[in-house]
Every structure is written in structure tokens, then in C-alpha cells.
Protein backbone atom coordinates (compact mmCIF):
# COMPACT_ATOMS: atom_id res chain seq x y z
CA MET A 1 0.00 0.00 0.00
CA ASN A 2 1.19 3.47 -0.83
CA PRO A 3 2.52 5.28 2.29
CA PHE A 4 0.50 8.38 1.43
CA VAL A 5 -2.76 6.41 1.21
CA ARG A 6 -1.97 4.67 4.49
CA PHE A 7 -1.26 8.06 6.12
CA ILE A 8 -4.52 9.57 4.85
CA THR A 9 -6.47 6.47 5.91
CA ARG A 10 -5.05 6.61 9.44
CA ARG A 11 -5.82 10.32 9.67
CA LEU A 12 -9.41 9.82 8.53
CA VAL A 13 -9.95 6.97 11.00
CA PHE A 14 -8.50 9.08 13.81
CA LEU A 15 -10.70 12.01 12.76
CA LEU A 16 -13.80 9.81 12.77
CA MET A 17 -12.96 8.34 16.18
CA THR A 18 -12.35 11.80 17.63
CA PHE A 19 -15.64 13.04 16.20
CA LEU A 20 -17.54 10.11 17.70
CA VAL A 21 -15.94 10.58 21.13
CA PHE A 22 -16.82 14.28 21.19
CA LEU A 23 -20.31 13.54 19.94
CA PHE A 24 -20.76 11.06 22.78
CA ILE A 25 -19.47 13.59 25.33
CA ILE A 26 -21.77 16.31 24.01
CA PHE A 27 -24.75 13.96 24.19
CA ILE A 28 -24.04 12.44 27.61
CA LEU A 29 -22.79 15.47 29.53
CA PRO A 30 -26.16 17.28 29.89
CA ARG A 31 -27.81 14.01 30.90
CA ALA A 32 -25.17 13.32 33.56
CA ILE A 33 -26.01 16.47 35.51
CA PRO A 34 -27.67 15.54 38.81
CA GLY A 35 -31.41 15.83 38.42
CA ASN A 36 -31.53 16.75 34.76
CA PRO A 37 -30.73 19.75 32.55
CA LEU A 38 -34.15 21.20 33.19
CA ALA A 39 -33.63 21.51 36.95
CA SER A 40 -32.41 25.11 36.87
CA LEU A 41 -35.21 26.21 34.56
CA LEU A 42 -37.76 24.44 36.74
CA TYR A 43 -36.26 26.07 39.85
CA GLN A 44 -36.90 29.51 38.33
CA ILE A 45 -40.47 28.54 37.54
CA ILE A 46 -40.98 27.20 41.08
CA GLN A 47 -39.90 30.55 42.50
CA GLN A 48 -42.51 32.30 40.39
CA ALA A 49 -45.32 29.82 41.12
CA GLN A 50 -44.89 28.83 44.77
CA SER A 51 -48.60 29.17 45.45
CA ASN A 52 -49.62 26.42 43.00
CA PRO A 53 -47.61 23.15 43.27
CA ASP A 54 -49.78 21.43 40.64
CA LEU A 55 -48.67 24.05 38.14
CA VAL A 56 -45.04 23.09 38.81
CA LYS A 57 -45.77 19.41 38.10
CA THR A 58 -47.58 20.35 34.89
CA VAL A 59 -44.74 22.60 33.75
CA HIS A 60 -42.16 19.90 34.62
CA LYS A 61 -44.03 17.36 32.50
CA LYS A 62 -44.35 19.87 29.66
CA LEU A 63 -40.62 20.69 29.85
CA LEU A 64 -39.70 17.00 29.70
CA GLU A 65 -41.88 16.60 26.62
CA GLU A 66 -40.58 19.82 25.03
CA PHE A 67 -36.95 18.75 25.35
CA GLY A 68 -37.70 15.09 24.54
CA MET A 69 -36.34 13.85 27.86
CA ASP A 70 -39.42 11.76 28.58
CA LYS A 71 -38.28 9.28 25.91
CA PRO A 72 -35.81 6.41 26.35
CA ILE A 73 -32.12 7.31 26.03
CA TYR A 74 -31.63 5.47 22.72
CA ILE A 75 -34.48 7.43 21.11
CA GLN A 76 -32.99 10.65 22.47
CA LEU A 77 -29.66 9.66 20.88
CA PHE A 78 -31.22 9.01 17.47
CA GLU A 79 -33.13 12.30 17.63
CA PHE A 80 -29.93 14.10 18.66
CA LEU A 81 -28.07 12.61 15.71
CA GLY A 82 -30.96 13.45 13.39
CA ARG A 83 -30.95 17.08 14.51
CA LEU A 84 -27.17 17.20 14.25
CA PHE A 85 -26.97 15.86 10.72
CA GLY A 86 -30.32 17.23 9.59
CA GLY A 87 -29.55 20.80 10.57
CA ILE A 88 -32.72 21.26 12.61
CA SER A 89 -32.15 23.95 15.21
CA GLU A 90 -33.95 24.08 18.51
CA LEU A 91 -35.68 27.14 19.93
CA PRO A 92 -33.40 29.25 22.11
CA TYR A 93 -33.96 29.23 25.87
CA PRO A 94 -35.85 32.58 26.18
CA PHE A 95 -38.36 31.55 23.53
CA ILE A 96 -39.01 28.22 25.26
CA GLN A 97 -39.50 29.99 28.59
CA GLU A 98 -42.01 32.40 27.01
CA LYS A 99 -43.78 29.52 25.29
CA LEU A 100 -44.13 27.55 28.53
CA LEU A 101 -45.23 30.46 30.69
CA THR A 102 -47.98 31.63 28.32
């Protein structure tokens, strides 16, 4: 085998492995946070709605559905990969907060 082809092949394999490792880290890191990534957002909502605990449960359920965290982890992974390679962008945080509080 040509040394140049072998060099390029090794570089591409290393690039692919590095990409997969970082993809895994980006996917797992938010899910490894104690509680879940929605805990801080829910905490802010709890402060605003302390008089109605049922509202907090409803908002928590809606947040889980909105972010897709009510689904099994393998479905979340496939949706994450689909959004990554499909170019679908999510709504930014302020728009989600406005959507949930209205």
C-alpha cells in the first residue's frame, strides 16, 4: 500500500474516532447532571409559582416533553443525531420559557 494512502487512511480513521468521542461527550454530559438539565429552569419557575404546586408538576411534565427527555435514552440519541446531521435547530432558551409560561 502506498505510504501516502496509508497516512490519509489513518488520519481519517483518527478524525472519525475523535468526532464520535466528542459527539458522545456532548450527548451524555447534559444528561449526567444531577437531576436533569431542566432543573435550573424548573427552579426559576418554582420561585414564580410557589402558590400552586400542581402548576409546577404540569410545567415539569411539559418541559420534559418539550426537550424530549421523557423518551428512552436510545431514542434521544437518534433524535440528537438526526438534529445534528439534519440541521434542525432548537428554539433558544428565552423563547421556550415564554412559550411555557404563556
